[in-house]
Amino acid sequence: MPPADSSEDAIEVHLDRLLEERGMTLVELADRVGITNVNLSILKNNRAKAIRFSTLAKICEVLGCQPGDLLSFTPRR
């Protein structure tokens, strides 16, 4: 049986692409979402262990996207 956290790396965050498409900086998004640059950077760099639904909803609201635009899952073999 694989370790409990084996799927963590299977979730990829596409924040860089979404920010670039919208001409927005990480600092601007952090200000508009109401979280720190550090926490948003952790998410952007795929190092986050969790995200609150309220934070995910606010990011999607500000970026005008759906959660599936921000996150993707690739099964590990």
PDB file of N, CA and C in Angstrom:
ATOM      1  N   MET A   1       0.852  -1.184   0.000  1.00  0.00           N
ATOM      2  CA  MET A   1       0.000   0.000   0.000  1.00  0.00           C
ATOM      3  C   MET A   1       0.898   1.248   0.000  1.00  0.00           C
ATOM      4  N   PRO A   2       0.640   2.241  -0.872  1.00  0.00           N
ATOM      5  CA  PRO A   2       1.478   3.444  -0.927  1.00  0.00           C
ATOM      6  C   PRO A   2       1.273   4.306   0.309  1.00  0.00           C
ATOM      7  N   PRO A   3       2.270   5.149   0.626  1.00  0.00           N
ATOM      8  CA  PRO A   3       2.130   6.053   1.768  1.00  0.00           C
ATOM      9  C   PRO A   3       0.916   6.957   1.599  1.00  0.00           C
ATOM     10  N   ALA A   4       0.361   7.412   2.707  1.00  0.00           N
ATOM     11  CA  ALA A   4      -0.858   8.237   2.690  1.00  0.00           C
ATOM     12  C   ALA A   4      -0.701   9.511   1.888  1.00  0.00           C
ATOM     13  N   ASP A   5       0.497  10.078   1.835  1.00  0.00           N
ATOM     14  CA  ASP A   5       0.687  11.354   1.144  1.00  0.00           C
ATOM     15  C   ASP A   5       1.227  11.184  -0.266  1.00  0.00           C
ATOM     16  N   SER A   6       1.161   9.995  -0.838  1.00  0.00           N
ATOM     17  CA  SER A   6       1.754   9.763  -2.152  1.00  0.00           C
ATOM     18  C   SER A   6       1.074  10.555  -3.264  1.00  0.00           C
ATOM     19  N   SER A   7      -0.172  10.995  -3.072  1.00  0.00           N
ATOM     20  CA  SER A   7      -0.866  11.729  -4.130  1.00  0.00           C
ATOM     21  C   SER A   7      -0.655  13.235  -4.043  1.00  0.00           C
ATOM     22  N   GLU A   8       0.033  13.712  -2.991  1.00  0.00           N
ATOM     23  CA  GLU A   8       0.214  15.154  -2.841  1.00  0.00           C
ATOM     24  C   GLU A   8       0.875  15.776  -4.059  1.00  0.00           C
ATOM     25  N   ASP A   9       1.907  15.148  -4.570  1.00  0.00           N
ATOM     26  CA  ASP A   9       2.618  15.691  -5.724  1.00  0.00           C
ATOM     27  C   ASP A   9       1.800  15.570  -6.998  1.00  0.00           C
ATOM     28  N   ALA A  10       0.703  14.826  -6.959  1.00  0.00           N
ATOM     29  CA  ALA A  10      -0.129  14.636  -8.138  1.00  0.00           C
ATOM     30  C   ALA A  10      -1.016  15.851  -8.404  1.00  0.00           C
ATOM     31  N   ILE A  11      -1.175  16.739  -7.432  1.00  0.00           N
ATOM     32  CA  ILE A  11      -1.951  17.969  -7.609  1.00  0.00           C
ATOM     33  C   ILE A  11      -1.002  19.069  -8.078  1.00  0.00           C
ATOM     34  N   GLU A  12      -1.346  19.683  -9.180  1.00  0.00           N
ATOM     35  CA  GLU A  12      -0.517  20.767  -9.719  1.00  0.00           C
ATOM     36  C   GLU A  12      -1.319  22.062  -9.711  1.00  0.00           C
ATOM     37  N   VAL A  13      -0.664  23.136  -9.313  1.00  0.00           N
ATOM     38  CA  VAL A  13      -1.291  24.460  -9.245  1.00  0.00           C
ATOM     39  C   VAL A  13      -0.834  25.273 -10.454  1.00  0.00           C
ATOM     40  N   HIS A  14      -1.788  25.898 -11.146  1.00  0.00           N
ATOM     41  CA  HIS A  14      -1.494  26.652 -12.379  1.00  0.00           C
ATOM     42  C   HIS A  14      -1.617  28.157 -12.166  1.00  0.00           C
ATOM     43  N   LEU A  15      -1.200  28.610 -11.003  1.00  0.00           N
ATOM     44  CA  LEU A  15      -1.341  30.023 -10.663  1.00  0.00           C
ATOM     45  C   LEU A  15      -0.481  30.916 -11.548  1.00  0.00           C
ATOM     46  N   ASP A  16       0.729  30.496 -11.861  1.00  0.00           N
ATOM     47  CA  ASP A  16       1.605  31.301 -12.736  1.00  0.00           C
ATOM     48  C   ASP A  16       0.922  31.616 -14.063  1.00  0.00           C
ATOM     49  N   ARG A  17       0.360  30.591 -14.682  1.00  0.00           N
ATOM     50  CA  ARG A  17      -0.297  30.767 -15.988  1.00  0.00           C
ATOM     51  C   ARG A  17      -1.493  31.706 -15.876  1.00  0.00           C
ATOM     52  N   LEU A  18      -2.310  31.513 -14.855  1.00  0.00           N
ATOM     53  CA  LEU A  18      -3.493  32.356 -14.689  1.00  0.00           C
ATOM     54  C   LEU A  18      -3.107  33.815 -14.421  1.00  0.00           C
ATOM     55  N   LEU A  19      -2.084  34.023 -13.603  1.00  0.00           N
ATOM     56  CA  LEU A  19      -1.632  35.397 -13.337  1.00  0.00           C
ATOM     57  C   LEU A  19      -1.107  36.049 -14.611  1.00  0.00           C
ATOM     58  N   GLU A  20      -0.320  35.306 -15.375  1.00  0.00           N
ATOM     59  CA  GLU A  20       0.234  35.849 -16.622  1.00  0.00           C
ATOM     60  C   GLU A  20      -0.880  36.197 -17.608  1.00  0.00           C
ATOM     61  N   GLU A  21      -1.852  35.307 -17.749  1.00  0.00           N
ATOM     62  CA  GLU A  21      -2.965  35.547 -18.674  1.00  0.00           C
ATOM     63  C   GLU A  21      -3.758  36.796 -18.297  1.00  0.00           C
ATOM     64  N   ARG A  22      -3.789  37.108 -17.004  1.00  0.00           N
ATOM     65  CA  ARG A  22      -4.583  38.245 -16.539  1.00  0.00           C
ATOM     66  C   ARG A  22      -3.741  39.493 -16.281  1.00  0.00           C
ATOM     67  N   GLY A  23      -2.437  39.402 -16.527  1.00  0.00           N
ATOM     68  CA  GLY A  23      -1.554  40.552 -16.315  1.00  0.00           C
ATOM     69  C   GLY A  23      -1.528  41.002 -14.868  1.00  0.00           C
ATOM     70  N   MET A  24      -1.578  40.056 -13.956  1.00  0.00           N
ATOM     71  CA  MET A  24      -1.650  40.360 -12.533  1.00  0.00           C
ATOM     72  C   MET A  24      -0.411  39.807 -11.832  1.00  0.00           C
ATOM     73  N   THR A  25       0.056  40.491 -10.811  1.00  0.00           N
ATOM     74  CA  THR A  25       1.193  40.017 -10.039  1.00  0.00           C
ATOM     75  C   THR A  25       0.718  39.204  -8.842  1.00  0.00           C
ATOM     76  N   LEU A  26       1.629  38.442  -8.293  1.00  0.00           N
ATOM     77  CA  LEU A  26       1.337  37.664  -7.086  1.00  0.00           C
ATOM     78  C   LEU A  26       0.983  38.592  -5.938  1.00  0.00           C
ATOM     79  N   VAL A  27       1.673  39.707  -5.827  1.00  0.00           N
ATOM     80  CA  VAL A  27       1.418  40.687  -4.760  1.00  0.00           C
ATOM     81  C   VAL A  27       0.005  41.255  -4.895  1.00  0.00           C
ATOM     82  N   GLU A  28      -0.384  41.601  -6.116  1.00  0.00           N
ATOM     83  CA  GLU A  28      -1.724  42.136  -6.336  1.00  0.00           C
ATOM     84  C   GLU A  28      -2.793  41.104  -5.975  1.00  0.00           C
ATOM     85  N   LEU A  29      -2.589  39.855  -6.400  1.00  0.00           N
ATOM     86  CA  LEU A  29      -3.556  38.808  -6.074  1.00  0.00           C
ATOM     87  C   LEU A  29      -3.636  38.597  -4.568  1.00  0.00           C
ATOM     88  N   ALA A  30      -2.504  38.553  -3.901  1.00  0.00           N
ATOM     89  CA  ALA A  30      -2.491  38.365  -2.447  1.00  0.00           C
ATOM     90  C   ALA A  30      -3.270  39.480  -1.753  1.00  0.00           C
ATOM     91  N   ASP A  31      -3.068  40.714  -2.181  1.00  0.00           N
ATOM     92  CA  ASP A  31      -3.796  41.851  -1.604  1.00  0.00           C
ATOM     93  C   ASP A  31      -5.297  41.721  -1.827  1.00  0.00           C
ATOM     94  N   ARG A  32      -5.689  41.342  -3.039  1.00  0.00           N
ATOM     95  CA  ARG A  32      -7.118  41.258  -3.373  1.00  0.00           C
ATOM     96  C   ARG A  32      -7.803  40.057  -2.716  1.00  0.00           C
ATOM     97  N   VAL A  33      -7.044  38.990  -2.478  1.00  0.00           N
ATOM     98  CA  VAL A  33      -7.597  37.801  -1.835  1.00  0.00           C
ATOM     99  C   VAL A  33      -7.589  37.949  -0.314  1.00  0.00           C
ATOM    100  N   GLY A  34      -6.619  38.712   0.201  1.00  0.00           N
ATOM    101  CA  GLY A  34      -6.520  38.904   1.642  1.00  0.00           C
ATOM    102  C   GLY A  34      -5.670  37.856   2.338  1.00  0.00           C
ATOM    103  N   ILE A  35      -4.659  37.345   1.638  1.00  0.00           N
ATOM    104  CA  ILE A  35      -3.704  36.430   2.256  1.00  0.00           C
ATOM    105  C   ILE A  35      -2.304  36.972   2.038  1.00  0.00           C
ATOM    106  N   THR A  36      -1.333  36.432   2.763  1.00  0.00           N
ATOM    107  CA  THR A  36       0.031  36.941   2.645  1.00  0.00           C
ATOM    108  C   THR A  36       0.669  36.481   1.340  1.00  0.00           C
ATOM    109  N   ASN A  37       1.651  37.249   0.893  1.00  0.00           N
ATOM    110  CA  ASN A  37       2.416  36.878  -0.300  1.00  0.00           C
ATOM    111  C   ASN A  37       3.095  35.528  -0.084  1.00  0.00           C
ATOM    112  N   VAL A  38       3.581  35.305   1.143  1.00  0.00           N
ATOM    113  CA  VAL A  38       4.280  34.057   1.457  1.00  0.00           C
ATOM    114  C   VAL A  38       3.347  32.862   1.282  1.00  0.00           C
ATOM    115  N   ASN A  39       2.132  32.943   1.833  1.00  0.00           N
ATOM    116  CA  ASN A  39       1.193  31.829   1.707  1.00  0.00           C
ATOM    117  C   ASN A  39       0.777  31.603   0.260  1.00  0.00           C
ATOM    118  N   LEU A  40       0.587  32.667  -0.485  1.00  0.00           N
ATOM    119  CA  LEU A  40       0.224  32.525  -1.894  1.00  0.00           C
ATOM    120  C   LEU A  40       1.399  31.945  -2.689  1.00  0.00           C
ATOM    121  N   SER A  41       2.602  32.328  -2.348  1.00  0.00           N
ATOM    122  CA  SER A  41       3.791  31.794  -3.000  1.00  0.00           C
ATOM    123  C   SER A  41       3.937  30.294  -2.734  1.00  0.00           C
ATOM    124  N   ILE A  42       3.638  29.869  -1.519  1.00  0.00           N
ATOM    125  CA  ILE A  42       3.683  28.444  -1.179  1.00  0.00           C
ATOM    126  C   ILE A  42       2.706  27.676  -2.067  1.00  0.00           C
ATOM    127  N   LEU A  43       1.521  28.219  -2.255  1.00  0.00           N
ATOM    128  CA  LEU A  43       0.532  27.593  -3.133  1.00  0.00           C
ATOM    129  C   LEU A  43       1.031  27.573  -4.572  1.00  0.00           C
ATOM    130  N   LYS A  44       1.525  28.699  -5.044  1.00  0.00           N
ATOM    131  CA  LYS A  44       1.995  28.832  -6.422  1.00  0.00           C
ATOM    132  C   LYS A  44       3.115  27.849  -6.752  1.00  0.00           C
ATOM    133  N   ASN A  45       3.962  27.580  -5.776  1.00  0.00           N
ATOM    134  CA  ASN A  45       5.115  26.706  -5.995  1.00  0.00           C
ATOM    135  C   ASN A  45       4.832  25.241  -5.648  1.00  0.00           C
ATOM    136  N   ASN A  46       3.547  24.890  -5.558  1.00  0.00           N
ATOM    137  CA  ASN A  46       3.127  23.509  -5.301  1.00  0.00           C
ATOM    138  C   ASN A  46       3.677  22.941  -3.996  1.00  0.00           C
ATOM    139  N   ARG A  47       3.840  23.788  -2.984  1.00  0.00           N
ATOM    140  CA  ARG A  47       4.333  23.322  -1.692  1.00  0.00           C
ATOM    141  C   ARG A  47       3.241  23.329  -0.624  1.00  0.00           C
ATOM    142  N   ALA A  48       2.040  23.738  -0.977  1.00  0.00           N
ATOM    143  CA  ALA A  48       0.943  23.789  -0.011  1.00  0.00           C
ATOM    144  C   ALA A  48       0.448  22.386   0.296  1.00  0.00           C
ATOM    145  N   LYS A  49       0.141  22.142   1.552  1.00  0.00           N
ATOM    146  CA  LYS A  49      -0.417  20.853   1.976  1.00  0.00           C
ATOM    147  C   LYS A  49      -1.942  20.897   1.965  1.00  0.00           C
ATOM    148  N   ALA A  50      -2.509  22.102   2.006  1.00  0.00           N
ATOM    149  CA  ALA A  50      -3.965  22.262   2.045  1.00  0.00           C
ATOM    150  C   ALA A  50      -4.313  23.677   1.610  1.00  0.00           C
ATOM    151  N   ILE A  51      -5.583  23.866   1.265  1.00  0.00           N
ATOM    152  CA  ILE A  51      -6.094  25.207   0.966  1.00  0.00           C
ATOM    153  C   ILE A  51      -7.530  25.262   1.474  1.00  0.00           C
ATOM    154  N   ARG A  52      -7.871  26.344   2.130  1.00  0.00           N
ATOM    155  CA  ARG A  52      -9.245  26.518   2.609  1.00  0.00           C
ATOM    156  C   ARG A  52     -10.150  26.769   1.402  1.00  0.00           C
ATOM    157  N   PHE A  53     -11.362  26.220   1.465  1.00  0.00           N
ATOM    158  CA  PHE A  53     -12.315  26.465   0.383  1.00  0.00           C
ATOM    159  C   PHE A  53     -12.609  27.955   0.250  1.00  0.00           C
ATOM    160  N   SER A  54     -12.631  28.679   1.345  1.00  0.00           N
ATOM    161  CA  SER A  54     -12.899  30.118   1.273  1.00  0.00           C
ATOM    162  C   SER A  54     -11.786  30.840   0.516  1.00  0.00           C
ATOM    163  N   THR A  55     -10.533  30.412   0.714  1.00  0.00           N
ATOM    164  CA  THR A  55      -9.406  31.000  -0.009  1.00  0.00           C
ATOM    165  C   THR A  55      -9.470  30.621  -1.478  1.00  0.00           C
ATOM    166  N   LEU A  56      -9.764  29.363  -1.759  1.00  0.00           N
ATOM    167  CA  LEU A  56      -9.896  28.910  -3.141  1.00  0.00           C
ATOM    168  C   LEU A  56     -11.005  29.679  -3.856  1.00  0.00           C
ATOM    169  N   ALA A  57     -12.127  29.865  -3.174  1.00  0.00           N
ATOM    170  CA  ALA A  57     -13.247  30.601  -3.763  1.00  0.00           C
ATOM    171  C   ALA A  57     -12.861  32.043  -4.058  1.00  0.00           C
ATOM    172  N   LYS A  58     -12.140  32.686  -3.143  1.00  0.00           N
ATOM    173  CA  LYS A  58     -11.740  34.086  -3.344  1.00  0.00           C
ATOM    174  C   LYS A  58     -10.734  34.204  -4.494  1.00  0.00           C
ATOM    175  N   ILE A  59      -9.783  33.267  -4.575  1.00  0.00           N
ATOM    176  CA  ILE A  59      -8.825  33.277  -5.694  1.00  0.00           C
ATOM    177  C   ILE A  59      -9.577  33.143  -7.017  1.00  0.00           C
ATOM    178  N   CYS A  60     -10.530  32.210  -7.067  1.00  0.00           N
ATOM    179  CA  CYS A  60     -11.312  32.018  -8.289  1.00  0.00           C
ATOM    180  C   CYS A  60     -12.141  33.258  -8.620  1.00  0.00           C
ATOM    181  N   GLU A  61     -12.694  33.891  -7.594  1.00  0.00           N
ATOM    182  CA  GLU A  61     -13.476  35.118  -7.810  1.00  0.00           C
ATOM    183  C   GLU A  61     -12.600  36.218  -8.404  1.00  0.00           C
ATOM    184  N   VAL A  62     -11.437  36.430  -7.815  1.00  0.00           N
ATOM    185  CA  VAL A  62     -10.540  37.504  -8.271  1.00  0.00           C
ATOM    186  C   VAL A  62      -9.997  37.215  -9.665  1.00  0.00           C
ATOM    187  N   LEU A  63      -9.651  35.961  -9.931  1.00  0.00           N
ATOM    188  CA  LEU A  63      -9.079  35.603 -11.232  1.00  0.00           C
ATOM    189  C   LEU A  63     -10.143  35.310 -12.293  1.00  0.00           C
ATOM    190  N   GLY A  64     -11.401  35.237 -11.888  1.00  0.00           N
ATOM    191  CA  GLY A  64     -12.469  34.933 -12.832  1.00  0.00           C
ATOM    192  C   GLY A  64     -12.317  33.548 -13.435  1.00  0.00           C
ATOM    193  N   CYS A  65     -12.055  32.561 -12.568  1.00  0.00           N
ATOM    194  CA  CYS A  65     -11.824  31.204 -13.044  1.00  0.00           C
ATOM    195  C   CYS A  65     -12.580  30.198 -12.188  1.00  0.00           C
ATOM    196  N   GLN A  66     -12.486  28.945 -12.567  1.00  0.00           N
ATOM    197  CA  GLN A  66     -13.050  27.835 -11.816  1.00  0.00           C
ATOM    198  C   GLN A  66     -11.910  27.103 -11.103  1.00  0.00           C
ATOM    199  N   PRO A  67     -12.204  26.358 -10.021  1.00  0.00           N
ATOM    200  CA  PRO A  67     -11.145  25.601  -9.347  1.00  0.00           C
ATOM    201  C   PRO A  67     -10.368  24.683 -10.298  1.00  0.00           C
ATOM    202  N   GLY A  68     -11.049  24.108 -11.286  1.00  0.00           N
ATOM    203  CA  GLY A  68     -10.379  23.246 -12.257  1.00  0.00           C
ATOM    204  C   GLY A  68      -9.409  23.977 -13.166  1.00  0.00           C
ATOM    205  N   ASP A  69      -9.547  25.303 -13.277  1.00  0.00           N
ATOM    206  CA  ASP A  69      -8.579  26.100 -14.032  1.00  0.00           C
ATOM    207  C   ASP A  69      -7.306  26.295 -13.226  1.00  0.00           C
ATOM    208  N   LEU A  70      -7.442  26.283 -11.916  1.00  0.00           N
ATOM    209  CA  LEU A  70      -6.333  26.541 -10.996  1.00  0.00           C
ATOM    210  C   LEU A  70      -5.591  25.269 -10.610  1.00  0.00           C
ATOM    211  N   LEU A  71      -6.320  24.159 -10.482  1.00  0.00           N
ATOM    212  CA  LEU A  71      -5.742  22.905 -10.003  1.00  0.00           C
ATOM    213  C   LEU A  71      -5.974  21.786 -11.006  1.00  0.00           C
ATOM    214  N   SER A  72      -4.999  20.884 -11.096  1.00  0.00           N
ATOM    215  CA  SER A  72      -5.198  19.678 -11.892  1.00  0.00           C
ATOM    216  C   SER A  72      -4.632  18.488 -11.122  1.00  0.00           C
ATOM    217  N   PHE A  73      -5.128  17.306 -11.454  1.00  0.00           N
ATOM    218  CA  PHE A  73      -4.694  16.076 -10.816  1.00  0.00           C
ATOM    219  C   PHE A  73      -4.175  15.122 -11.866  1.00  0.00           C
ATOM    220  N   THR A  74      -2.978  14.599 -11.628  1.00  0.00           N
ATOM    221  CA  THR A  74      -2.392  13.591 -12.501  1.00  0.00           C
ATOM    222  C   THR A  74      -2.128  12.360 -11.648  1.00  0.00           C
ATOM    223  N   PRO A  75      -2.832  11.255 -11.911  1.00  0.00           N
ATOM    224  CA  PRO A  75      -2.634  10.048 -11.118  1.00  0.00           C
ATOM    225  C   PRO A  75      -1.189   9.559 -11.199  1.00  0.00           C
ATOM    226  N   ARG A  76      -0.675   9.115 -10.069  1.00  0.00           N
ATOM    227  CA  ARG A  76       0.677   8.536 -10.024  1.00  0.00           C
ATOM    228  C   ARG A  76       0.571   7.034 -10.216  1.00  0.00           C
ATOM    229  N   ARG A  77       1.543   6.468 -10.859  1.00  0.00           N
ATOM    230  CA  ARG A  77       1.560   5.008 -11.073  1.00  0.00           C
ATOM    231  C   ARG A  77       2.556   4.365 -10.181  1.00  0.00           C
TER     232      ARG A  77
END
